[in-house]
Amino acid sequence: MTDIPLADAKARLSELVARAAAGDPVRITRRGRPVAELTAIHQDRKPLDVAALKRLTDAMPMAAESAGDLVRQMRDEDRF
């Protein structure tokens, strides 16, 4: 865990949040005393229902053109 003075934390908040999210907790200090701690929030992921996903994609109509052709057309017509 890294200790960071409050004044530095205010100037580098985005960086400290990214570090905490990556698993490196950060302790913020005021006058040398710890006052707050940034840690990652661990959220449980829902299991993927592969059968439901397959049913969904099977029900979708096929595209009239390939994705590459669509992107080329959008690029050529300046619609991106």
N, C-alpha and C. Protein backbone atom coordinates (compact mmCIF):
# COMPACT_ATOMS: atom_id res chain seq x y z
N MET A 1 0.84 -1.17 0.00
CA MET A 1 0.00 0.00 0.00
C MET A 1 0.89 1.23 0.00
N THR A 2 0.47 2.21 -0.79
CA THR A 2 1.23 3.44 -0.94
C THR A 2 0.58 4.56 -0.14
N ASP A 3 1.37 5.32 0.61
CA ASP A 3 0.88 6.49 1.33
C ASP A 3 1.11 7.73 0.48
N ILE A 4 0.06 8.54 0.31
CA ILE A 4 0.14 9.75 -0.49
C ILE A 4 -0.42 10.91 0.33
N PRO A 5 0.32 12.03 0.46
CA PRO A 5 -0.22 13.21 1.15
C PRO A 5 -1.45 13.75 0.42
N LEU A 6 -2.38 14.29 1.14
CA LEU A 6 -3.64 14.79 0.58
C LEU A 6 -3.41 15.78 -0.56
N ALA A 7 -2.48 16.70 -0.39
CA ALA A 7 -2.23 17.69 -1.45
C ALA A 7 -1.80 17.01 -2.75
N ASP A 8 -0.95 15.99 -2.66
CA ASP A 8 -0.54 15.25 -3.85
C ASP A 8 -1.70 14.45 -4.42
N ALA A 9 -2.51 13.89 -3.55
CA ALA A 9 -3.65 13.08 -4.00
C ALA A 9 -4.63 13.94 -4.79
N LYS A 10 -4.84 15.17 -4.36
CA LYS A 10 -5.75 16.06 -5.08
C LYS A 10 -5.24 16.34 -6.48
N ALA A 11 -3.94 16.47 -6.63
CA ALA A 11 -3.35 16.76 -7.93
C ALA A 11 -3.28 15.53 -8.83
N ARG A 12 -3.28 14.32 -8.26
CA ARG A 12 -3.08 13.09 -9.03
C ARG A 12 -4.23 12.10 -8.85
N LEU A 13 -5.44 12.59 -8.62
CA LEU A 13 -6.55 11.71 -8.29
C LEU A 13 -6.82 10.66 -9.37
N SER A 14 -6.85 11.05 -10.63
CA SER A 14 -7.12 10.09 -11.70
C SER A 14 -6.11 8.96 -11.70
N GLU A 15 -4.85 9.30 -11.54
CA GLU A 15 -3.78 8.28 -11.51
C GLU A 15 -3.97 7.35 -10.31
N LEU A 16 -4.30 7.91 -9.15
CA LEU A 16 -4.46 7.10 -7.94
C LEU A 16 -5.67 6.18 -8.05
N VAL A 17 -6.75 6.66 -8.63
CA VAL A 17 -7.92 5.81 -8.83
C VAL A 17 -7.58 4.66 -9.77
N ALA A 18 -6.84 4.94 -10.82
CA ALA A 18 -6.44 3.88 -11.76
C ALA A 18 -5.56 2.84 -11.05
N ARG A 19 -4.66 3.29 -10.21
CA ARG A 19 -3.80 2.35 -9.47
C ARG A 19 -4.64 1.50 -8.52
N ALA A 20 -5.58 2.12 -7.82
CA ALA A 20 -6.43 1.37 -6.90
C ALA A 20 -7.28 0.36 -7.66
N ALA A 21 -7.82 0.76 -8.79
CA ALA A 21 -8.64 -0.15 -9.60
C ALA A 21 -7.81 -1.33 -10.11
N ALA A 22 -6.53 -1.11 -10.32
CA ALA A 22 -5.64 -2.17 -10.78
C ALA A 22 -5.20 -3.10 -9.65
N GLY A 23 -5.60 -2.78 -8.43
CA GLY A 23 -5.28 -3.67 -7.31
C GLY A 23 -4.22 -3.15 -6.36
N ASP A 24 -3.73 -1.94 -6.57
CA ASP A 24 -2.72 -1.35 -5.70
C ASP A 24 -3.40 -0.32 -4.80
N PRO A 25 -3.81 -0.70 -3.57
CA PRO A 25 -4.51 0.25 -2.72
C PRO A 25 -3.64 1.46 -2.38
N VAL A 26 -4.29 2.59 -2.20
CA VAL A 26 -3.60 3.85 -1.91
C VAL A 26 -4.19 4.43 -0.63
N ARG A 27 -3.30 4.81 0.30
CA ARG A 27 -3.74 5.42 1.55
C ARG A 27 -3.41 6.91 1.47
N ILE A 28 -4.40 7.75 1.75
CA ILE A 28 -4.23 9.20 1.71
C ILE A 28 -4.01 9.68 3.14
N THR A 29 -2.99 10.51 3.29
CA THR A 29 -2.63 10.98 4.63
C THR A 29 -2.80 12.50 4.72
N ARG A 30 -3.08 12.95 5.93
CA ARG A 30 -3.12 14.38 6.23
C ARG A 30 -2.21 14.59 7.42
N ARG A 31 -1.18 15.39 7.22
CA ARG A 31 -0.17 15.65 8.26
C ARG A 31 0.44 14.34 8.76
N GLY A 32 0.64 13.41 7.85
CA GLY A 32 1.29 12.15 8.19
C GLY A 32 0.37 11.08 8.75
N ARG A 33 -0.89 11.42 8.99
CA ARG A 33 -1.84 10.43 9.55
C ARG A 33 -2.77 9.94 8.45
N PRO A 34 -3.01 8.64 8.38
CA PRO A 34 -3.93 8.11 7.37
C PRO A 34 -5.35 8.59 7.63
N VAL A 35 -6.02 9.09 6.55
CA VAL A 35 -7.39 9.58 6.69
C VAL A 35 -8.36 8.90 5.72
N ALA A 36 -7.83 8.30 4.67
CA ALA A 36 -8.70 7.64 3.68
C ALA A 36 -7.89 6.60 2.93
N GLU A 37 -8.63 5.68 2.31
CA GLU A 37 -7.97 4.62 1.56
C GLU A 37 -8.76 4.37 0.28
N LEU A 38 -8.04 4.31 -0.84
CA LEU A 38 -8.65 3.97 -2.12
C LEU A 38 -8.35 2.51 -2.43
N THR A 39 -9.40 1.74 -2.65
CA THR A 39 -9.22 0.33 -3.02
C THR A 39 -10.19 0.00 -4.14
N ALA A 40 -9.91 -1.07 -4.85
CA ALA A 40 -10.79 -1.51 -5.93
C ALA A 40 -12.06 -2.11 -5.36
N ILE A 41 -13.14 -1.96 -6.09
CA ILE A 41 -14.40 -2.61 -5.74
C ILE A 41 -14.49 -3.87 -6.57
N HIS A 42 -14.65 -4.98 -5.90
CA HIS A 42 -14.75 -6.26 -6.61
C HIS A 42 -16.22 -6.60 -6.79
N GLN A 43 -16.62 -6.70 -8.05
CA GLN A 43 -18.01 -7.03 -8.35
C GLN A 43 -18.05 -8.43 -8.94
N ASP A 44 -18.98 -9.22 -8.45
CA ASP A 44 -19.16 -10.55 -9.00
C ASP A 44 -19.78 -10.43 -10.38
N ARG A 45 -19.24 -11.20 -11.31
CA ARG A 45 -19.77 -11.19 -12.67
C ARG A 45 -20.83 -12.26 -12.81
N LYS A 46 -21.87 -11.93 -13.54
CA LYS A 46 -22.93 -12.90 -13.80
C LYS A 46 -22.40 -13.95 -14.76
N PRO A 47 -22.78 -15.21 -14.56
CA PRO A 47 -22.37 -16.22 -15.52
C PRO A 47 -23.07 -15.99 -16.86
N LEU A 48 -22.38 -16.30 -17.92
CA LEU A 48 -22.90 -16.11 -19.27
C LEU A 48 -23.75 -17.31 -19.65
N ASP A 49 -24.99 -17.06 -20.05
CA ASP A 49 -25.89 -18.12 -20.50
C ASP A 49 -25.66 -18.30 -22.00
N VAL A 50 -24.81 -19.24 -22.35
CA VAL A 50 -24.41 -19.45 -23.73
C VAL A 50 -25.60 -19.86 -24.58
N ALA A 51 -26.48 -20.69 -24.05
CA ALA A 51 -27.64 -21.14 -24.81
C ALA A 51 -28.56 -19.96 -25.15
N ALA A 52 -28.79 -19.06 -24.20
CA ALA A 52 -29.63 -17.88 -24.45
C ALA A 52 -28.98 -16.96 -25.48
N LEU A 53 -27.68 -16.80 -25.41
CA LEU A 53 -26.96 -15.99 -26.38
C LEU A 53 -27.08 -16.59 -27.78
N LYS A 54 -26.95 -17.90 -27.88
CA LYS A 54 -27.07 -18.58 -29.18
C LYS A 54 -28.47 -18.40 -29.74
N ARG A 55 -29.51 -18.54 -28.90
CA ARG A 55 -30.88 -18.35 -29.37
C ARG A 55 -31.08 -16.92 -29.88
N LEU A 56 -30.51 -15.96 -29.18
CA LEU A 56 -30.63 -14.57 -29.58
C LEU A 56 -29.97 -14.32 -30.93
N THR A 57 -28.75 -14.80 -31.09
CA THR A 57 -28.04 -14.55 -32.35
C THR A 57 -28.65 -15.35 -33.50
N ASP A 58 -29.19 -16.53 -33.23
CA ASP A 58 -29.84 -17.30 -34.28
C ASP A 58 -31.10 -16.61 -34.78
N ALA A 59 -31.77 -15.84 -33.91
CA ALA A 59 -33.00 -15.15 -34.27
C ALA A 59 -32.74 -13.87 -35.05
N MET A 60 -31.50 -13.41 -35.09
CA MET A 60 -31.18 -12.16 -35.79
C MET A 60 -31.05 -12.43 -37.28
N PRO A 61 -31.58 -11.53 -38.11
CA PRO A 61 -31.44 -11.73 -39.55
C PRO A 61 -30.00 -11.49 -40.00
N MET A 62 -29.61 -12.17 -41.05
CA MET A 62 -28.27 -11.97 -41.60
C MET A 62 -28.18 -10.59 -42.23
N ALA A 63 -27.06 -9.96 -42.13
CA ALA A 63 -26.85 -8.65 -42.74
C ALA A 63 -26.75 -8.80 -44.25
N ALA A 64 -27.22 -7.79 -44.95
CA ALA A 64 -27.20 -7.83 -46.41
C ALA A 64 -25.78 -7.68 -46.96
N GLU A 65 -24.92 -7.03 -46.20
CA GLU A 65 -23.54 -6.84 -46.64
C GLU A 65 -22.58 -7.14 -45.50
N SER A 66 -21.33 -7.37 -45.84
CA SER A 66 -20.35 -7.68 -44.82
C SER A 66 -20.01 -6.43 -44.01
N ALA A 67 -19.46 -6.62 -42.84
CA ALA A 67 -19.08 -5.49 -41.99
C ALA A 67 -18.02 -4.64 -42.68
N GLY A 68 -17.09 -5.28 -43.38
CA GLY A 68 -16.05 -4.54 -44.09
C GLY A 68 -16.64 -3.65 -45.17
N ASP A 69 -17.62 -4.19 -45.92
CA ASP A 69 -18.27 -3.38 -46.96
C ASP A 69 -19.03 -2.21 -46.35
N LEU A 70 -19.70 -2.45 -45.23
CA LEU A 70 -20.44 -1.39 -44.56
C LEU A 70 -19.50 -0.27 -44.11
N VAL A 71 -18.38 -0.63 -43.52
CA VAL A 71 -17.42 0.38 -43.05
C VAL A 71 -16.84 1.15 -44.23
N ARG A 72 -16.51 0.44 -45.33
CA ARG A 72 -15.99 1.12 -46.52
C ARG A 72 -17.02 2.11 -47.06
N GLN A 73 -18.27 1.68 -47.12
CA GLN A 73 -19.34 2.55 -47.62
C GLN A 73 -19.49 3.77 -46.72
N MET A 74 -19.48 3.59 -45.41
CA MET A 74 -19.58 4.72 -44.49
C MET A 74 -18.40 5.67 -44.67
N ARG A 75 -17.20 5.12 -44.83
CA ARG A 75 -16.01 5.94 -45.01
C ARG A 75 -16.10 6.73 -46.30
N ASP A 76 -16.52 6.05 -47.38
CA ASP A 76 -16.58 6.71 -48.69
C ASP A 76 -17.67 7.78 -48.75
N GLU A 77 -18.73 7.61 -47.97
CA GLU A 77 -19.82 8.57 -47.98
C GLU A 77 -19.67 9.59 -46.85
N ASP A 78 -18.56 9.56 -46.12
CA ASP A 78 -18.28 10.49 -45.02
C ASP A 78 -19.39 10.50 -43.98
N ARG A 79 -19.90 9.32 -43.61
CA ARG A 79 -20.96 9.24 -42.61
C ARG A 79 -20.44 8.77 -41.27
N PHE A 80 -19.17 8.72 -41.06
CA PHE A 80 -18.66 8.21 -39.79
C PHE A 80 -18.43 9.29 -38.80
